[in-house]
N, C-alpha and C. Protein backbone atom coordinates (compact mmCIF):
# COMPACT_ATOMS: atom_id res chain seq x y z
N UNK A 1 -4.63 6.32 46.55
CA UNK A 1 -5.38 5.53 45.52
C UNK A 1 -5.77 6.55 44.42
N UNK A 2 -5.94 5.95 43.25
CA UNK A 2 -6.34 6.72 42.04
C UNK A 2 -7.79 6.47 41.71
N UNK A 3 -8.44 7.47 41.26
CA UNK A 3 -9.84 7.29 40.81
C UNK A 3 -9.85 6.24 39.68
N UNK A 4 -10.74 5.21 39.89
CA UNK A 4 -10.68 4.11 38.94
C UNK A 4 -12.11 3.59 38.75
N UNK A 5 -12.32 2.88 37.63
CA UNK A 5 -13.58 2.29 37.22
C UNK A 5 -13.30 0.79 36.90
N UNK A 6 -14.18 -0.09 37.32
CA UNK A 6 -14.05 -1.47 37.03
C UNK A 6 -15.34 -2.20 36.85
N UNK A 7 -15.30 -3.41 36.34
CA UNK A 7 -16.52 -4.23 36.19
C UNK A 7 -16.18 -5.63 36.64
N UNK A 8 -17.16 -6.28 37.34
CA UNK A 8 -17.00 -7.65 37.67
C UNK A 8 -17.15 -8.49 36.51
N UNK A 9 -17.71 -7.97 35.39
CA UNK A 9 -18.09 -8.79 34.18
C UNK A 9 -16.90 -8.98 33.16
N UNK A 10 -15.93 -8.04 33.18
CA UNK A 10 -14.76 -8.16 32.29
C UNK A 10 -13.70 -7.26 32.87
N UNK A 11 -12.44 -7.57 32.54
CA UNK A 11 -11.28 -6.86 33.00
C UNK A 11 -10.95 -5.82 32.02
N UNK A 12 -10.19 -4.81 32.39
CA UNK A 12 -9.76 -3.73 31.47
C UNK A 12 -9.04 -4.30 30.31
N UNK A 13 -9.45 -4.08 29.06
CA UNK A 13 -8.86 -4.60 27.87
C UNK A 13 -9.38 -5.99 27.50
N UNK A 14 -10.23 -6.52 28.30
CA UNK A 14 -10.79 -7.83 28.08
C UNK A 14 -12.13 -7.82 27.27
N UNK A 15 -12.52 -9.02 26.92
CA UNK A 15 -13.76 -9.21 26.16
C UNK A 15 -15.04 -9.01 26.94
N UNK A 16 -15.97 -8.25 26.51
CA UNK A 16 -17.25 -8.08 27.05
C UNK A 16 -18.12 -9.27 26.75
N UNK A 17 -18.63 -9.92 27.85
CA UNK A 17 -19.49 -11.09 27.56
C UNK A 17 -20.76 -10.73 26.66
N UNK A 18 -21.13 -11.77 25.85
CA UNK A 18 -22.32 -11.62 24.96
C UNK A 18 -23.57 -11.14 25.65
N UNK A 19 -23.80 -11.44 26.90
CA UNK A 19 -25.05 -10.99 27.55
C UNK A 19 -25.20 -9.53 27.62
N UNK A 20 -24.09 -8.76 27.55
CA UNK A 20 -24.01 -7.31 27.60
C UNK A 20 -24.13 -6.72 26.18
N UNK A 21 -24.17 -7.48 25.13
CA UNK A 21 -24.23 -7.04 23.76
C UNK A 21 -25.72 -6.98 23.29
N UNK A 22 -25.95 -6.17 22.33
CA UNK A 22 -27.35 -6.03 21.74
C UNK A 22 -27.90 -7.43 21.26
N UNK A 23 -26.99 -8.26 20.74
CA UNK A 23 -27.39 -9.55 20.24
C UNK A 23 -27.58 -10.55 21.39
N UNK A 24 -27.16 -10.16 22.55
CA UNK A 24 -27.37 -11.02 23.77
C UNK A 24 -28.52 -10.53 24.55
N UNK A 25 -28.38 -10.35 25.87
CA UNK A 25 -29.47 -9.86 26.70
C UNK A 25 -29.58 -8.30 26.76
N UNK A 26 -28.56 -7.64 26.17
CA UNK A 26 -28.49 -6.22 26.10
C UNK A 26 -28.62 -5.55 27.45
N UNK A 27 -27.99 -6.17 28.47
CA UNK A 27 -27.90 -5.63 29.86
C UNK A 27 -26.71 -4.79 30.00
N UNK A 28 -26.78 -3.64 30.69
CA UNK A 28 -25.58 -2.89 31.01
C UNK A 28 -24.82 -3.69 32.04
N UNK A 29 -23.51 -3.74 31.88
CA UNK A 29 -22.62 -4.53 32.80
C UNK A 29 -22.61 -3.82 34.19
N UNK A 30 -22.32 -4.63 35.20
CA UNK A 30 -22.17 -3.98 36.57
C UNK A 30 -20.85 -3.13 36.57
N UNK A 31 -20.91 -1.98 37.15
CA UNK A 31 -19.74 -1.09 37.16
C UNK A 31 -19.60 -0.61 38.54
N UNK A 32 -18.34 -0.38 38.99
CA UNK A 32 -18.06 0.19 40.30
C UNK A 32 -16.88 1.09 40.16
N UNK A 33 -16.77 2.19 40.95
CA UNK A 33 -15.67 3.03 40.92
C UNK A 33 -15.21 3.40 42.35
N UNK A 34 -13.98 3.81 42.43
CA UNK A 34 -13.30 4.02 43.71
C UNK A 34 -12.55 5.32 43.68
N UNK A 35 -12.29 5.83 44.88
CA UNK A 35 -11.42 7.00 45.12
C UNK A 35 -11.78 8.22 44.34
N UNK A 36 -13.00 8.61 44.31
CA UNK A 36 -13.40 9.83 43.65
C UNK A 36 -12.71 10.96 44.33
N UNK A 37 -12.27 12.01 43.58
CA UNK A 37 -11.56 13.06 44.16
C UNK A 37 -12.46 13.97 45.03
N UNK A 38 -11.72 14.67 45.97
CA UNK A 38 -12.43 15.62 46.83
C UNK A 38 -13.17 16.63 45.96
N UNK A 39 -14.40 17.02 46.43
CA UNK A 39 -15.08 18.05 45.70
C UNK A 39 -16.06 17.48 44.68
N UNK A 40 -16.06 16.15 44.53
CA UNK A 40 -16.98 15.57 43.55
C UNK A 40 -18.40 15.72 44.01
N UNK A 41 -19.26 16.26 43.12
CA UNK A 41 -20.69 16.48 43.46
C UNK A 41 -21.61 15.61 42.66
N UNK A 42 -21.11 15.02 41.54
CA UNK A 42 -21.83 14.10 40.75
C UNK A 42 -20.94 13.41 39.78
N UNK A 43 -21.49 12.41 39.14
CA UNK A 43 -20.73 11.65 38.09
C UNK A 43 -21.50 11.64 36.79
N UNK A 44 -20.79 11.46 35.67
CA UNK A 44 -21.36 11.22 34.40
C UNK A 44 -20.59 9.99 33.74
N UNK A 45 -21.34 9.11 33.16
CA UNK A 45 -20.74 8.01 32.48
C UNK A 45 -21.19 7.88 31.08
N UNK A 46 -20.22 7.58 30.17
CA UNK A 46 -20.61 7.33 28.75
C UNK A 46 -19.94 6.08 28.29
N UNK A 47 -20.47 5.52 27.15
CA UNK A 47 -19.75 4.43 26.46
C UNK A 47 -19.62 4.81 25.03
N UNK A 48 -18.42 4.75 24.53
CA UNK A 48 -18.11 5.12 23.15
C UNK A 48 -17.33 4.13 22.45
N UNK A 49 -17.65 3.82 21.16
CA UNK A 49 -16.97 2.91 20.26
C UNK A 49 -16.26 3.71 19.21
N UNK A 50 -14.94 3.97 19.35
CA UNK A 50 -14.25 4.75 18.33
C UNK A 50 -13.81 3.95 17.06
N UNK A 51 -14.10 2.60 17.12
CA UNK A 51 -13.77 1.79 15.97
C UNK A 51 -14.98 1.64 14.95
N UNK A 52 -16.06 2.34 15.26
CA UNK A 52 -17.17 2.21 14.35
C UNK A 52 -16.82 2.72 12.97
N UNK A 53 -17.39 2.07 11.90
CA UNK A 53 -16.94 2.46 10.56
C UNK A 53 -17.18 3.94 10.16
N UNK A 54 -18.15 4.65 10.78
CA UNK A 54 -18.44 6.06 10.36
C UNK A 54 -17.87 6.94 11.51
N UNK A 55 -17.04 6.48 12.32
CA UNK A 55 -16.53 7.45 13.44
C UNK A 55 -17.10 6.93 14.82
N UNK A 56 -16.73 7.59 15.82
CA UNK A 56 -17.15 7.23 17.15
C UNK A 56 -18.73 7.07 17.27
N UNK A 57 -19.08 5.93 17.84
CA UNK A 57 -20.52 5.63 17.96
C UNK A 57 -20.80 5.62 19.54
N UNK A 58 -21.73 6.30 19.95
CA UNK A 58 -22.06 6.34 21.41
C UNK A 58 -23.20 5.47 21.78
N UNK A 59 -23.01 4.57 22.83
CA UNK A 59 -23.86 3.55 23.25
C UNK A 59 -24.74 3.90 24.47
N UNK A 60 -24.21 4.87 25.27
CA UNK A 60 -25.00 5.04 26.54
C UNK A 60 -24.35 6.25 27.24
N UNK A 61 -25.22 7.02 27.87
CA UNK A 61 -24.85 8.11 28.82
C UNK A 61 -25.79 8.10 30.01
N UNK A 62 -25.19 8.19 31.21
CA UNK A 62 -25.92 8.33 32.40
C UNK A 62 -25.29 9.59 33.11
N UNK A 63 -26.13 10.55 33.52
CA UNK A 63 -25.57 11.78 34.18
C UNK A 63 -26.38 12.09 35.39
N UNK A 64 -25.92 13.00 36.21
CA UNK A 64 -26.53 13.40 37.45
C UNK A 64 -26.50 12.26 38.38
N UNK A 65 -25.47 11.36 38.30
CA UNK A 65 -25.27 10.32 39.31
C UNK A 65 -24.78 10.94 40.61
N UNK A 66 -25.48 10.75 41.68
CA UNK A 66 -25.04 11.41 42.96
C UNK A 66 -23.65 11.04 43.33
N UNK A 67 -22.94 11.96 44.03
CA UNK A 67 -21.58 11.71 44.53
C UNK A 67 -21.50 10.62 45.47
N UNK A 68 -22.61 10.25 46.14
CA UNK A 68 -22.61 9.14 47.15
C UNK A 68 -22.76 7.76 46.45
N UNK A 69 -23.06 7.73 45.16
CA UNK A 69 -23.16 6.53 44.40
C UNK A 69 -21.78 6.08 43.91
N UNK A 70 -21.42 4.85 44.13
CA UNK A 70 -20.12 4.31 43.71
C UNK A 70 -20.23 3.01 42.85
N UNK A 71 -21.47 2.80 42.33
CA UNK A 71 -21.69 1.61 41.47
C UNK A 71 -22.99 1.73 40.74
N UNK A 72 -23.04 1.02 39.61
CA UNK A 72 -24.25 0.80 38.89
C UNK A 72 -24.38 -0.74 38.78
N UNK A 73 -25.54 -1.30 39.20
CA UNK A 73 -25.66 -2.71 39.11
C UNK A 73 -25.89 -3.22 37.71
N UNK A 74 -25.75 -4.47 37.43
CA UNK A 74 -26.09 -5.04 36.12
C UNK A 74 -27.50 -4.69 35.82
N UNK A 75 -27.70 -4.28 34.58
CA UNK A 75 -29.04 -3.89 34.08
C UNK A 75 -29.57 -2.49 34.49
N UNK A 76 -28.70 -1.77 35.06
CA UNK A 76 -29.06 -0.37 35.44
C UNK A 76 -29.48 0.45 34.24
N UNK A 77 -28.99 0.17 33.09
CA UNK A 77 -29.24 0.94 31.89
C UNK A 77 -30.56 0.72 31.17
N UNK A 78 -31.41 -0.12 31.78
CA UNK A 78 -32.70 -0.30 31.16
C UNK A 78 -33.52 1.02 31.19
N UNK A 79 -34.54 1.11 30.29
CA UNK A 79 -35.32 2.32 30.16
C UNK A 79 -36.12 2.62 31.41
N UNK A 80 -36.38 1.61 32.17
CA UNK A 80 -37.22 1.80 33.36
C UNK A 80 -36.55 2.03 34.71
N UNK A 81 -35.32 2.26 34.74
CA UNK A 81 -34.54 2.46 35.98
C UNK A 81 -34.54 3.82 36.62
N UNK A 82 -35.11 4.80 35.87
CA UNK A 82 -35.26 6.15 36.49
C UNK A 82 -33.96 6.95 36.51
N UNK A 83 -32.95 6.55 35.82
CA UNK A 83 -31.73 7.27 35.72
C UNK A 83 -31.80 8.41 34.64
N UNK A 84 -31.04 9.44 34.82
CA UNK A 84 -30.93 10.50 33.75
C UNK A 84 -30.04 9.93 32.70
N UNK A 85 -30.61 9.62 31.55
CA UNK A 85 -29.92 8.92 30.46
C UNK A 85 -30.03 9.73 29.14
N UNK A 86 -28.90 9.80 28.40
CA UNK A 86 -28.94 10.42 27.13
C UNK A 86 -29.40 9.60 25.99
N UNK A 87 -29.56 10.19 24.83
CA UNK A 87 -29.95 9.43 23.61
C UNK A 87 -28.77 9.00 22.94
N UNK A 88 -28.65 7.64 22.80
CA UNK A 88 -27.48 7.06 22.18
C UNK A 88 -27.55 7.18 20.62
N UNK A 89 -26.63 6.68 19.93
CA UNK A 89 -26.57 6.75 18.42
C UNK A 89 -27.51 5.77 17.79
N UNK A 90 -28.09 4.91 18.56
CA UNK A 90 -29.20 4.02 18.01
C UNK A 90 -30.54 4.79 18.04
N UNK A 91 -30.53 5.93 18.81
CA UNK A 91 -31.77 6.71 18.98
C UNK A 91 -32.51 6.40 20.26
N UNK A 92 -31.88 5.64 21.15
CA UNK A 92 -32.56 5.19 22.41
C UNK A 92 -32.03 5.91 23.53
N UNK A 93 -32.89 6.16 24.57
CA UNK A 93 -32.51 6.86 25.83
C UNK A 93 -32.26 5.79 26.91
N UNK A 94 -31.45 4.80 26.60
CA UNK A 94 -31.07 3.78 27.55
C UNK A 94 -29.79 3.04 26.98
N UNK A 95 -29.31 2.11 27.73
CA UNK A 95 -28.18 1.36 27.35
C UNK A 95 -28.44 0.48 26.07
N UNK A 96 -27.61 0.56 25.13
CA UNK A 96 -27.48 -0.42 24.02
C UNK A 96 -26.11 -0.91 23.92
N UNK A 97 -25.93 -2.23 24.07
CA UNK A 97 -24.62 -2.82 24.13
C UNK A 97 -23.90 -2.89 22.80
N UNK A 98 -22.75 -3.49 22.83
CA UNK A 98 -21.93 -3.64 21.58
C UNK A 98 -22.65 -4.31 20.46
N UNK A 99 -22.44 -3.77 19.28
CA UNK A 99 -23.08 -4.41 18.01
C UNK A 99 -22.21 -4.05 16.82
N UNK A 100 -20.92 -4.36 16.82
CA UNK A 100 -20.09 -3.99 15.62
C UNK A 100 -20.63 -4.80 14.35
N UNK A 101 -20.34 -4.23 13.21
CA UNK A 101 -20.78 -4.90 12.03
C UNK A 101 -20.11 -6.34 11.95
N UNK A 102 -20.78 -7.23 11.52
CA UNK A 102 -20.16 -8.63 11.31
C UNK A 102 -19.00 -8.56 10.40
N UNK A 103 -17.88 -9.17 10.86
CA UNK A 103 -16.64 -9.23 10.10
C UNK A 103 -15.86 -7.99 10.20
N UNK A 104 -16.22 -6.98 11.01
CA UNK A 104 -15.51 -5.74 11.04
C UNK A 104 -14.29 -5.77 12.00
N UNK A 105 -14.14 -6.93 12.71
CA UNK A 105 -13.09 -7.09 13.63
C UNK A 105 -13.43 -6.66 15.00
N UNK A 106 -12.43 -6.65 15.89
CA UNK A 106 -12.64 -6.30 17.33
C UNK A 106 -12.88 -4.78 17.45
N UNK A 107 -13.87 -4.47 18.22
CA UNK A 107 -14.10 -3.04 18.56
C UNK A 107 -13.87 -2.80 20.00
N UNK A 108 -13.36 -1.63 20.32
CA UNK A 108 -13.00 -1.25 21.75
C UNK A 108 -14.10 -0.33 22.27
N UNK A 109 -14.69 -0.67 23.38
CA UNK A 109 -15.75 0.05 24.03
C UNK A 109 -15.14 0.76 25.27
N UNK A 110 -15.19 2.17 25.17
CA UNK A 110 -14.63 2.94 26.20
C UNK A 110 -15.71 3.38 27.15
N UNK A 111 -15.65 2.86 28.40
CA UNK A 111 -16.57 3.25 29.43
C UNK A 111 -15.83 4.41 30.16
N UNK A 112 -16.33 5.59 30.01
CA UNK A 112 -15.60 6.77 30.53
C UNK A 112 -16.48 7.40 31.69
N UNK A 113 -15.88 7.52 32.83
CA UNK A 113 -16.52 8.02 33.97
C UNK A 113 -15.86 9.38 34.38
N UNK A 114 -16.63 10.43 34.60
CA UNK A 114 -16.09 11.62 35.01
C UNK A 114 -16.66 12.08 36.42
N UNK A 115 -15.86 12.61 37.29
CA UNK A 115 -16.28 13.23 38.50
C UNK A 115 -16.50 14.70 38.20
N UNK A 116 -17.68 15.23 38.57
CA UNK A 116 -17.98 16.64 38.28
C UNK A 116 -18.09 17.53 39.45
N UNK A 117 -17.89 18.78 39.31
CA UNK A 117 -18.04 19.72 40.35
C UNK A 117 -19.42 20.35 40.50
N UNK A 118 -20.42 19.75 39.90
CA UNK A 118 -21.78 20.25 39.93
C UNK A 118 -22.72 19.04 40.30
N UNK A 119 -23.79 19.30 40.97
CA UNK A 119 -24.76 18.23 41.35
C UNK A 119 -25.57 17.85 40.12
N UNK A 120 -25.96 18.88 39.35
CA UNK A 120 -26.91 18.67 38.20
C UNK A 120 -26.11 19.21 36.94
N UNK A 121 -26.12 18.40 35.92
CA UNK A 121 -25.33 18.81 34.68
C UNK A 121 -26.05 19.81 33.81
N UNK A 122 -27.38 19.60 33.66
CA UNK A 122 -28.09 20.48 32.74
C UNK A 122 -27.45 20.46 31.32
N UNK A 123 -27.35 19.32 30.70
CA UNK A 123 -26.60 19.28 29.39
C UNK A 123 -27.27 20.06 28.34
N UNK A 124 -26.39 20.55 27.36
CA UNK A 124 -26.81 21.29 26.26
C UNK A 124 -27.16 20.41 25.05
N UNK A 125 -28.22 19.62 25.29
CA UNK A 125 -28.71 18.58 24.31
C UNK A 125 -28.87 17.28 25.02
N UNK A 126 -29.54 16.41 24.39
CA UNK A 126 -29.89 15.09 24.99
C UNK A 126 -29.06 13.95 24.42
N UNK A 127 -28.32 14.14 23.36
CA UNK A 127 -27.43 13.10 22.77
C UNK A 127 -26.11 12.90 23.65
N UNK A 128 -25.70 11.69 23.61
CA UNK A 128 -24.57 11.37 24.43
C UNK A 128 -23.28 12.23 24.18
N UNK A 129 -23.04 12.56 22.97
CA UNK A 129 -21.85 13.43 22.62
C UNK A 129 -22.07 14.79 23.20
N UNK A 130 -23.36 15.31 23.24
CA UNK A 130 -23.60 16.61 23.76
C UNK A 130 -23.48 16.64 25.27
N UNK A 131 -23.93 15.57 25.90
CA UNK A 131 -23.78 15.40 27.37
C UNK A 131 -22.36 15.40 27.78
N UNK A 132 -21.56 14.64 27.09
CA UNK A 132 -20.12 14.57 27.37
C UNK A 132 -19.46 15.90 27.14
N UNK A 133 -19.78 16.60 26.08
CA UNK A 133 -19.26 17.92 25.83
C UNK A 133 -19.62 18.96 26.94
N UNK A 134 -20.86 18.94 27.47
CA UNK A 134 -21.21 19.83 28.52
C UNK A 134 -20.47 19.37 29.84
N UNK A 135 -20.25 18.13 30.03
CA UNK A 135 -19.59 17.66 31.26
C UNK A 135 -18.18 18.16 31.34
N UNK A 136 -17.52 18.26 30.19
CA UNK A 136 -16.11 18.63 30.14
C UNK A 136 -15.79 19.86 30.90
N UNK A 137 -16.71 20.83 30.93
CA UNK A 137 -16.46 22.09 31.64
C UNK A 137 -16.48 21.87 33.14
N UNK A 138 -17.03 20.84 33.65
CA UNK A 138 -17.19 20.51 35.02
C UNK A 138 -16.34 19.40 35.56
N UNK A 139 -15.52 18.88 34.81
CA UNK A 139 -14.75 17.65 35.18
C UNK A 139 -13.67 17.92 36.17
N UNK A 140 -13.67 17.18 37.19
CA UNK A 140 -12.56 17.22 38.25
C UNK A 140 -11.54 16.13 37.86
N UNK A 141 -12.06 15.03 37.50
CA UNK A 141 -11.20 13.85 37.16
C UNK A 141 -11.96 12.89 36.25
N UNK A 142 -11.25 12.09 35.49
CA UNK A 142 -11.83 11.21 34.56
C UNK A 142 -11.07 9.80 34.67
N UNK A 143 -11.85 8.71 34.52
CA UNK A 143 -11.26 7.39 34.45
C UNK A 143 -11.93 6.60 33.37
N UNK A 144 -11.28 5.49 32.99
CA UNK A 144 -11.72 4.77 31.82
C UNK A 144 -11.57 3.30 31.99
N UNK A 145 -12.52 2.52 31.53
CA UNK A 145 -12.44 1.04 31.47
C UNK A 145 -12.72 0.68 30.05
N UNK A 146 -11.84 -0.17 29.43
CA UNK A 146 -12.05 -0.55 27.97
C UNK A 146 -12.39 -1.96 27.92
N UNK A 147 -13.45 -2.30 27.19
CA UNK A 147 -13.82 -3.70 26.90
C UNK A 147 -13.82 -3.88 25.38
N UNK A 148 -13.64 -5.14 25.01
CA UNK A 148 -13.63 -5.41 23.49
C UNK A 148 -14.84 -6.34 23.17
N UNK A 149 -15.26 -6.23 21.88
CA UNK A 149 -16.32 -7.08 21.43
C UNK A 149 -16.18 -7.26 19.93
N UNK A 150 -16.45 -8.45 19.41
CA UNK A 150 -16.46 -8.72 17.98
C UNK A 150 -17.64 -9.55 17.60
N UNK A 151 -18.31 -9.17 16.58
CA UNK A 151 -19.38 -9.98 15.98
C UNK A 151 -18.82 -10.86 14.91
N UNK A 152 -19.08 -12.13 15.05
CA UNK A 152 -18.48 -13.13 14.07
C UNK A 152 -19.60 -13.60 13.19
């Protein structure tokens, strides 16, 4: 089996339901992963929108996810869940869902999960992009789930 990431809320390449968007309930979707590689000591997850008008926009980062964890339930990205979360490009240290500009077309949201060879990441900065950059040096494997969203 191959390291993989999935959601019960949408299929890979499919539309993300409104309840997971900022204009909806702004809940993080349920996520589950399988077949982490041997040697995994923790995970890091980010969500990035490369279709944003000013370049890649980061919506969420969770790091120091224990290697024994294989899922994040719906709503895990709230500010009160006690997870190690980075500061997204909205300036929040929790999940903020899709919110592309109205009429900008379909945006692709890349949920990227990495298996790391360290238990604690100790990122070089608190922003999502900095967390992901720090994680790169410790990645054993990476998997991705892509969802789409459009504001009409």
